[in-house]
Amino acid sequence: RRQRQMCIRDRNYVIIYQHSWPCLIYVSMNKIFVLGAGQMQVPIIKKVKERGDYCIVADFDKYAPGMKYADVALSVSTNDRDAVLVAAREYAVNGILTTSDYPVNVVAFVARKLSLPAMSVEVAKICTDKYLQRQLFSENRINCPFYKLIAGGEDLVALDDFPYIIKPIDSSASRGVKKVNNRDELMDYFPVACSFSKSGKVIVEKFVEGREFSVETLSQDGRTFIIAITEKITKGEEQGFFVEDAHLIPANLSVAEKCLIETEVLKAISVIGVNNCPTHTEVKLNADGAWIIEIACRLGGDNITSDLVPLATGVDMLENLIRLSIGEPVDIHQTIHHYAAIQFFNQENYDRCVDFLGHEDKRIVRKEIGAKHNRVIASSMDRMGYCIMQARTREEIYDILSELN
């Protein structure tokens, strides 16, 4: 079925053309514009529909899986800010949002043009450029590692305090990120890192030892609320890669460690000027303190905010993202105190995971089993599936993770 939709000036009326006949309908719900319809955007699109809101979705791929859930599916690039603005005006949207990294720049641009709630254009730019973020943090005494923007091979020669992390300034999902232990490895991986950068720019930063965490926040009307801290287990360090292998909420932290992380994250968010959006902050913790690795002004991926946060706390992060986009007050009230985790599948645990999931276990909330392969897990795209679990105690979660691994 093909249909073309147009909006007239009143936000609540829509003209729908079906079989060349116009029909004027009254739309009493909000009209939410979601940028991106890939697999990771499906939960937010479904949440918009669950609320009873009218959902407009844009994606360059007209066959993206989220398109079928939308009221209006537009084959428009999420990075084409002018085309997105035209569509937003045409459908007179009440809110615009994304759960991806780079489209936050377009969200900010369109929101400013239409006076909709969202992060500012400046904040979006900083949160999608690792170099600009490092500059801002170092100027404001936020704990972050030594860094250097690399323009070419000659800049690599001056680096001798190995190991380093080399990464594109504007990529995501760990693509193009690698730990290098000597100059040969650095020189070899430099063109690879460049190939994953939209701008062609790469940053090198000092490798920070320590435990890894991520922090989920919501900022609205000048206030920031820390919702959850996630404990992270990564895989592939021996090959130089740091791909998340498991996440656990709440993180296993002492009161002092939790305070240290929260304090540094709130300082960093304040320095950036984040407002009216979520943030996902990656942190490393060691004897020298909490180190900000990077901040994204979006919800955390890897099913952290779509599944783990609500399973552990009862706070609906997808609902809150929609509320932020239309200026409704967020609901941060924790209604449950459980434990939740996600385990991803790799070459070592794949068979055990599949075997374990063959037996019914009520603690397993959801699973997705992909095809097994022998490629190195160099980014999150290389993982072979996952299972999500919920339990009443940390010990129960650890028991399940032990069974899976």
Protein backbone atom coordinates (compact mmCIF):
# COMPACT_ATOMS: atom_id res chain seq x y z
CA ARG A 1 0.00 0.00 0.00
CA ARG A 2 1.34 3.35 -1.04
CA GLN A 3 0.30 6.56 0.67
CA ARG A 4 1.51 10.13 0.59
CA GLN A 5 0.94 12.41 3.53
CA MET A 6 1.03 16.16 3.85
CA CYS A 7 0.40 18.47 6.78
CA ILE A 8 -1.47 21.74 6.64
CA ARG A 9 -0.67 24.57 9.02
CA ASP A 10 -2.50 23.28 12.08
CA ARG A 11 -0.26 20.69 13.76
CA ASN A 12 -3.24 18.46 14.51
CA TYR A 13 -4.57 17.99 10.99
CA VAL A 14 -3.11 15.70 8.35
CA ILE A 15 -4.19 15.25 4.72
CA ILE A 16 -3.75 11.61 3.66
CA TYR A 17 -3.85 10.81 -0.04
CA GLN A 18 -4.99 7.26 -0.74
CA HIS A 19 -5.78 6.12 -4.26
CA SER A 20 -5.60 9.80 -5.29
CA TRP A 21 -8.45 10.76 -2.94
CA PRO A 22 -7.65 13.26 -0.17
CA CYS A 23 -8.88 12.61 3.36
CA LEU A 24 -8.55 15.16 6.15
CA ILE A 25 -8.04 13.56 9.57
CA TYR A 26 -7.60 15.03 13.03
CA VAL A 27 -4.52 13.79 14.88
CA SER A 28 -4.80 14.39 18.64
CA MET A 29 -1.52 12.72 19.58
CA ASN A 30 2.00 14.11 19.39
CA LYS A 31 3.87 13.77 16.12
CA ILE A 32 7.37 12.46 16.81
CA PHE A 33 10.12 12.49 14.17
CA VAL A 34 12.62 9.64 14.69
CA LEU A 35 15.90 9.79 12.78
CA GLY A 36 17.10 6.28 11.95
CA ALA A 37 15.22 3.02 11.41
CA GLY A 38 17.97 0.44 11.87
CA GLN A 39 17.69 -2.47 14.27
CA MET A 40 18.90 -0.35 17.20
CA GLN A 41 16.19 2.25 16.51
CA VAL A 42 13.30 -0.24 16.43
CA PRO A 43 12.69 -0.04 20.23
CA ILE A 44 12.24 3.75 20.23
CA ILE A 45 9.95 3.60 17.18
CA LYS A 46 7.83 0.95 18.88
CA LYS A 47 7.75 3.03 22.07
CA VAL A 48 6.41 6.05 20.16
CA LYS A 49 3.62 3.85 18.78
CA GLU A 50 2.92 2.28 22.20
CA ARG A 51 2.30 5.77 23.58
CA GLY A 52 -0.31 6.32 20.89
CA ASP A 53 1.76 9.03 19.21
CA TYR A 54 2.08 9.60 15.48
CA CYS A 55 5.51 8.42 14.28
CA ILE A 56 7.43 9.82 11.32
CA VAL A 57 10.68 7.96 10.60
CA ALA A 58 13.55 8.87 8.27
CA ASP A 59 16.26 6.54 7.04
CA PHE A 60 18.34 6.43 3.86
CA ASP A 61 17.52 2.71 3.57
CA LYS A 62 13.86 2.34 2.63
CA TYR A 63 14.06 -1.32 3.72
CA ALA A 64 15.42 -0.55 7.22
CA PRO A 65 13.61 -2.74 9.78
CA GLY A 66 12.06 0.16 11.70
CA MET A 67 10.28 1.57 8.64
CA LYS A 68 7.39 -0.91 8.86
CA TYR A 69 6.40 0.33 12.33
CA ALA A 70 6.14 3.99 11.34
CA ASP A 71 3.03 5.93 10.39
CA VAL A 72 5.17 7.71 7.82
CA ALA A 73 8.41 6.18 6.47
CA LEU A 74 10.65 8.61 4.59
CA SER A 75 13.63 7.52 2.50
CA VAL A 76 15.76 10.45 3.63
CA SER A 77 19.32 10.41 4.91
CA THR A 78 19.46 11.13 8.65
CA ASN A 79 22.53 13.29 7.94
CA ASP A 80 20.77 15.49 5.37
CA ARG A 81 19.75 18.31 7.68
CA ASP A 82 17.97 20.37 5.01
CA ALA A 83 15.84 17.45 3.81
CA VAL A 84 15.01 16.50 7.41
CA LEU A 85 14.05 20.11 8.17
CA VAL A 86 11.73 20.21 5.15
CA ALA A 87 10.06 16.99 6.29
CA ALA A 88 9.77 18.20 9.89
CA ARG A 89 8.03 21.36 8.71
CA GLU A 90 5.81 19.47 6.28
CA TYR A 91 4.54 17.18 9.02
CA ALA A 92 4.58 19.92 11.70
CA VAL A 93 6.27 17.61 14.23
CA ASN A 94 6.06 18.18 18.00
CA GLY A 95 9.41 16.51 18.71
CA ILE A 96 12.50 15.16 16.97
CA LEU A 97 14.94 12.58 18.34
CA THR A 98 17.46 9.88 17.53
CA THR A 99 19.24 7.05 19.33
CA SER A 100 22.26 7.16 16.99
CA ASP A 101 25.43 9.21 17.24
CA TYR A 102 25.88 11.36 14.18
CA PRO A 103 22.20 12.32 13.56
CA VAL A 104 22.18 14.25 16.85
CA ASN A 105 23.68 17.13 14.85
CA VAL A 106 20.61 17.12 12.61
CA VAL A 107 18.28 16.79 15.61
CA ALA A 108 19.90 19.86 17.17
CA PHE A 109 19.75 21.84 13.91
CA VAL A 110 16.09 21.08 13.22
CA ALA A 111 15.08 21.59 16.86
CA ARG A 112 16.66 25.04 16.87
CA LYS A 113 14.94 26.00 13.62
CA LEU A 114 11.53 24.85 14.89
CA SER A 115 11.97 25.87 18.57
CA LEU A 116 11.68 22.27 19.78
CA PRO A 117 13.38 20.90 22.92
CA ALA A 118 16.79 19.29 22.27
CA MET A 119 20.50 19.67 22.85
CA SER A 120 22.05 22.79 21.32
CA VAL A 121 23.91 22.73 18.01
CA GLU A 122 27.16 23.42 19.88
CA VAL A 123 26.61 20.54 22.32
CA ALA A 124 25.80 18.14 19.48
CA LYS A 125 29.01 19.14 17.69
CA ILE A 126 31.16 18.57 20.79
CA CYS A 127 29.51 15.24 21.58
CA THR A 128 30.17 13.89 18.07
CA ASP A 129 33.78 15.07 17.79
CA LYS A 130 36.20 13.34 20.17
CA TYR A 131 38.93 15.91 19.51
CA LEU A 132 36.75 18.92 20.37
CA GLN A 133 35.60 17.09 23.47
CA ARG A 134 39.18 16.40 24.58
CA GLN A 135 40.09 20.05 24.04
CA LEU A 136 37.17 21.23 26.14
CA PHE A 137 37.92 18.77 28.95
CA SER A 138 41.62 19.57 29.14
CA GLU A 139 40.90 23.32 29.19
CA ASN A 140 38.48 22.83 32.10
CA ARG A 141 40.52 20.33 34.15
CA ILE A 142 38.25 17.36 33.55
CA ASN A 143 40.14 14.07 34.00
CA CYS A 144 40.94 12.87 30.50
CA PRO A 145 44.02 11.21 28.96
CA PHE A 146 46.77 12.88 26.92
CA TYR A 147 45.57 13.30 23.32
CA LYS A 148 46.81 14.46 19.94
CA LEU A 149 45.01 15.10 16.66
CA ILE A 150 46.89 13.32 13.88
CA ALA A 151 47.07 15.05 10.53
CA GLY A 152 49.49 12.61 8.88
CA GLY A 153 52.33 10.13 9.27
CA GLU A 154 54.80 12.78 10.38
CA ASP A 155 52.76 13.40 13.57
CA LEU A 156 53.01 9.71 14.49
CA VAL A 157 56.81 9.82 14.69
CA ALA A 158 56.78 12.14 17.71
CA LEU A 159 54.71 9.71 19.79
CA ASP A 160 56.79 7.40 21.98
CA ASP A 161 54.92 6.93 25.28
CA PHE A 162 53.18 3.67 24.35
CA PRO A 163 50.62 2.17 24.62
CA TYR A 164 48.13 4.50 22.94
CA ILE A 165 44.56 4.23 21.74
CA ILE A 166 44.02 5.36 18.16
CA LYS A 167 40.48 6.17 17.08
CA PRO A 168 38.48 8.16 14.52
CA ILE A 169 37.18 11.42 15.97
CA ASP A 170 33.63 10.76 14.73
CA SER A 171 32.94 7.03 14.59
CA SER A 172 30.91 4.74 16.88
CA ALA A 173 30.43 1.08 17.91
CA SER A 174 34.22 0.75 18.49
CA ARG A 175 34.83 0.88 14.74
CA GLY A 176 38.37 1.98 13.91
CA VAL A 177 39.46 1.93 17.57
CA LYS A 178 42.57 0.00 18.60
CA LYS A 179 45.24 -0.15 21.28
CA VAL A 180 48.73 0.08 19.78
CA ASN A 181 51.83 -0.98 21.71
CA ASN A 182 54.60 0.31 19.45
CA ARG A 183 55.25 2.60 16.51
CA ASP A 184 54.92 -0.15 13.89
CA GLU A 185 51.42 -1.00 15.13
CA LEU A 186 50.54 2.69 15.21
CA MET A 187 51.73 3.29 11.65
CA ASP A 188 49.98 0.17 10.38
CA TYR A 189 46.61 0.98 11.93
CA PHE A 190 46.56 4.71 11.17
CA PRO A 191 45.02 4.30 7.67
CA VAL A 192 42.48 1.82 9.05
CA ALA A 193 41.34 4.30 11.70
CA CYS A 194 41.13 7.03 9.04
CA SER A 195 38.91 4.83 6.89
CA PHE A 196 36.26 4.75 9.66
CA SER A 197 36.20 8.53 10.09
CA LYS A 198 33.60 10.59 8.24
CA SER A 199 35.94 13.58 8.39
CA GLY A 200 39.10 11.55 7.79
CA LYS A 201 40.52 12.76 11.13
CA VAL A 202 42.06 10.55 13.81
CA ILE A 203 42.98 11.13 17.43
CA VAL A 204 45.66 9.31 19.44
CA GLU A 205 45.33 9.25 23.22
CA LYS A 206 47.25 7.68 26.08
CA PHE A 207 45.86 4.32 27.13
CA VAL A 208 44.27 4.49 30.60
CA GLU A 209 44.35 1.38 32.75
CA GLY A 210 41.36 0.63 34.94
CA ARG A 211 37.88 -0.79 35.30
CA GLU A 212 35.33 0.35 32.73
CA PHE A 213 31.89 1.82 33.34
CA SER A 214 29.23 3.81 31.54
CA VAL A 215 26.86 6.35 33.06
CA GLU A 216 23.32 7.07 31.83
CA THR A 217 21.87 10.52 32.52
CA LEU A 218 18.89 12.68 31.61
CA SER A 219 19.25 16.47 31.46
CA GLN A 220 16.22 18.75 31.39
CA ASP A 221 15.70 22.44 32.16
CA GLY A 222 19.24 22.86 33.46
CA ARG A 223 19.20 19.82 35.80
CA THR A 224 20.99 16.51 35.22
CA PHE A 225 19.85 13.23 36.76
CA ILE A 226 22.12 10.18 36.95
CA ILE A 227 19.89 7.17 36.30
CA ALA A 228 22.32 4.23 36.29
CA ILE A 229 25.97 3.22 36.24
CA THR A 230 26.80 0.19 34.13
CA GLU A 231 29.72 -2.15 34.74
CA LYS A 232 31.42 -3.15 31.48
CA ILE A 233 33.40 -6.21 30.48
CA THR A 234 35.33 -5.86 27.24
CA LYS A 235 36.91 -8.39 24.92
CA GLY A 236 39.87 -8.41 22.54
CA GLU A 237 42.52 -6.43 24.42
CA GLU A 238 45.20 -8.97 23.43
CA GLN A 239 44.50 -8.03 19.79
CA GLY A 240 44.22 -4.34 20.68
CA PHE A 241 40.42 -4.13 20.57
CA PHE A 242 37.98 -3.18 23.34
CA VAL A 243 34.55 -4.42 22.33
CA GLU A 244 31.91 -4.70 25.04
CA ASP A 245 31.32 -8.36 25.88
CA ALA A 246 28.89 -7.86 28.78
CA HIS A 247 27.12 -5.09 30.70
CA LEU A 248 25.76 -5.26 34.25
CA ILE A 249 23.47 -2.85 36.15
CA PRO A 250 23.95 -1.73 38.85
CA ALA A 251 27.73 -1.66 38.75
CA ASN A 252 29.66 -3.22 41.61
CA LEU A 253 31.05 -0.05 43.23
CA SER A 254 31.80 1.15 46.72
CA VAL A 255 30.08 4.33 47.91
CA ALA A 256 33.35 6.26 47.46
CA GLU A 257 33.91 4.91 43.92
CA LYS A 258 30.33 5.72 42.92
CA CYS A 259 30.71 9.26 44.25
CA LEU A 260 34.00 9.69 42.36
CA ILE A 261 32.45 8.66 39.05
CA GLU A 262 29.27 10.69 39.51
CA THR A 263 31.18 13.84 40.45
CA GLU A 264 33.47 13.72 37.41
CA VAL A 265 30.63 12.91 35.01
CA LEU A 266 28.45 15.76 36.27
CA LYS A 267 31.41 18.15 35.96
CA ALA A 268 32.00 17.07 32.35
CA ILE A 269 28.31 17.37 31.45
CA SER A 270 28.21 20.85 32.97
CA VAL A 271 31.32 21.95 31.05
CA ILE A 272 29.81 20.79 27.76
CA GLY A 273 26.54 22.55 28.53
CA VAL A 274 24.28 19.54 28.01
CA ASN A 275 20.55 20.21 28.37
CA ASN A 276 17.24 18.69 27.24
CA CYS A 277 18.77 15.40 26.13
CA PRO A 278 20.19 12.14 27.50
CA THR A 279 23.90 11.39 27.76
CA HIS A 280 25.91 8.19 27.71
CA THR A 281 29.35 8.63 29.31
CA GLU A 282 32.19 6.09 29.16
CA VAL A 283 34.46 6.15 32.20
CA LYS A 284 37.57 4.36 33.44
CA LEU A 285 38.30 4.10 37.15
CA ASN A 286 41.74 3.56 38.66
CA ALA A 287 43.82 4.66 41.67
CA ASP A 288 44.25 8.12 40.13
CA GLY A 289 40.53 8.78 39.86
CA ALA A 290 37.67 8.62 37.36
CA TRP A 291 38.68 9.35 33.76
CA ILE A 292 36.20 10.52 31.15
CA ILE A 293 36.77 8.58 27.94
CA GLU A 294 33.93 10.18 25.98
CA ILE A 295 30.39 11.54 26.26
CA ALA A 296 27.59 11.06 23.71
CA CYS A 297 24.38 13.10 23.89
CA ARG A 298 22.16 10.10 23.20
CA LEU A 299 20.90 7.05 25.04
CA GLY A 300 23.36 4.25 25.66
CA GLY A 301 23.33 1.49 23.05
CA ASP A 302 23.93 -2.25 23.42
CA ASN A 303 20.42 -2.58 24.93
CA ILE A 304 21.61 -0.73 28.03
CA THR A 305 18.89 1.92 28.07
CA SER A 306 16.24 0.04 26.11
CA ASP A 307 16.40 -3.04 28.39
CA LEU A 308 18.91 -3.11 31.25
CA VAL A 309 18.05 0.21 32.90
CA PRO A 310 14.28 -0.46 33.05
CA LEU A 311 14.86 -4.09 34.14
CA ALA A 312 17.13 -2.98 36.99
CA THR A 313 15.47 0.29 38.04
CA GLY A 314 12.03 0.53 36.48
CA VAL A 315 12.98 3.83 34.82
CA ASP A 316 11.78 3.83 31.21
CA MET A 317 14.56 5.56 29.29
CA LEU A 318 12.82 5.34 25.90
CA GLU A 319 9.71 6.97 27.34
CA ASN A 320 11.91 9.68 28.87
CA LEU A 321 13.67 10.32 25.56
CA ILE A 322 10.29 11.00 23.97
CA ARG A 323 9.30 13.23 26.89
CA LEU A 324 12.52 15.21 26.48
CA SER A 325 11.78 15.71 22.77
CA ILE A 326 8.34 17.23 23.42
CA GLY A 327 9.14 19.11 26.63
CA GLU A 328 7.24 16.88 29.04
CA PRO A 329 8.83 16.34 32.50
CA VAL A 330 10.96 13.20 32.69
CA ASP A 331 10.06 10.43 35.16
CA ILE A 332 13.21 9.37 37.03
CA HIS A 333 11.53 7.59 39.93
CA GLN A 334 13.12 4.18 40.59
CA THR A 335 10.36 1.64 41.17
CA ILE A 336 12.38 -1.59 41.43
CA HIS A 337 15.84 -2.59 42.70
CA HIS A 338 16.87 -5.59 40.62
CA TYR A 339 19.97 -6.64 38.67
CA ALA A 340 20.16 -6.91 34.91
CA ALA A 341 22.87 -7.88 32.44
CA ILE A 342 23.50 -8.60 28.80
CA GLN A 343 26.00 -11.19 27.57
CA PHE A 344 27.18 -11.06 23.97
CA PHE A 345 28.25 -14.16 22.07
CA ASN A 346 31.78 -14.71 20.79
CA GLN A 347 33.86 -17.61 19.48
CA GLU A 348 34.67 -18.88 22.97
CA ASN A 349 31.20 -18.85 24.53
CA TYR A 350 28.91 -19.28 21.51
CA ASP A 351 28.24 -23.02 21.91
CA ARG A 352 27.78 -22.77 25.68
CA CYS A 353 25.37 -19.85 25.28
CA VAL A 354 23.28 -21.60 22.64
CA ASP A 355 23.17 -24.75 24.75
CA PHE A 356 22.18 -22.81 27.89
CA LEU A 357 19.45 -20.94 26.05
CA GLY A 358 18.03 -24.25 24.85
CA HIS A 359 16.75 -24.81 28.40
CA GLU A 360 13.97 -22.59 29.69
CA ASP A 361 15.16 -20.12 32.32
CA LYS A 362 12.76 -17.43 33.50
CA ARG A 363 15.68 -15.14 34.30
CA ILE A 364 16.47 -14.85 30.57
CA VAL A 365 14.32 -11.97 29.35
CA ARG A 366 15.31 -11.87 25.69
CA LYS A 367 17.80 -13.44 23.33
CA GLU A 368 19.04 -13.13 19.77
CA ILE A 369 21.23 -15.85 18.29
CA GLY A 370 23.23 -15.00 15.19
CA ALA A 371 25.43 -17.11 12.95
CA LYS A 372 28.74 -18.30 14.32
CA HIS A 373 31.92 -17.09 12.60
CA ASN A 374 35.68 -17.01 13.20
CA ARG A 375 36.37 -13.31 12.60
CA VAL A 376 38.15 -11.28 15.25
CA ILE A 377 35.68 -9.32 17.39
CA ALA A 378 37.02 -5.93 16.32
CA SER A 379 33.78 -3.96 16.76
CA SER A 380 30.28 -4.50 18.09
CA MET A 381 29.20 -5.40 14.57
CA ASP A 382 31.23 -8.64 14.83
CA ARG A 383 29.33 -10.07 17.82
CA MET A 384 27.17 -13.15 17.20
CA GLY A 385 24.12 -12.49 19.34
CA TYR A 386 23.19 -11.81 22.94
CA CYS A 387 20.94 -12.70 25.83
CA ILE A 388 19.45 -10.33 28.41
CA MET A 389 18.84 -11.45 31.97
CA GLN A 390 17.22 -10.12 35.14
CA ALA A 391 17.65 -11.34 38.74
CA ARG A 392 16.99 -10.17 42.28
CA THR A 393 20.61 -10.47 43.45
CA ARG A 394 24.05 -9.80 42.03
CA GLU A 395 25.05 -13.39 42.86
CA GLU A 396 22.30 -14.74 40.60
CA ILE A 397 23.50 -12.60 37.71
CA TYR A 398 27.09 -13.72 38.27
CA ASP A 399 25.95 -17.37 38.30
CA ILE A 400 24.24 -16.98 34.92
CA LEU A 401 27.24 -15.18 33.42
CA SER A 402 29.49 -17.94 34.73
CA GLU A 403 27.30 -20.57 33.08
CA LEU A 404 27.41 -18.69 29.78
CA ASN A 405 31.19 -18.28 29.86
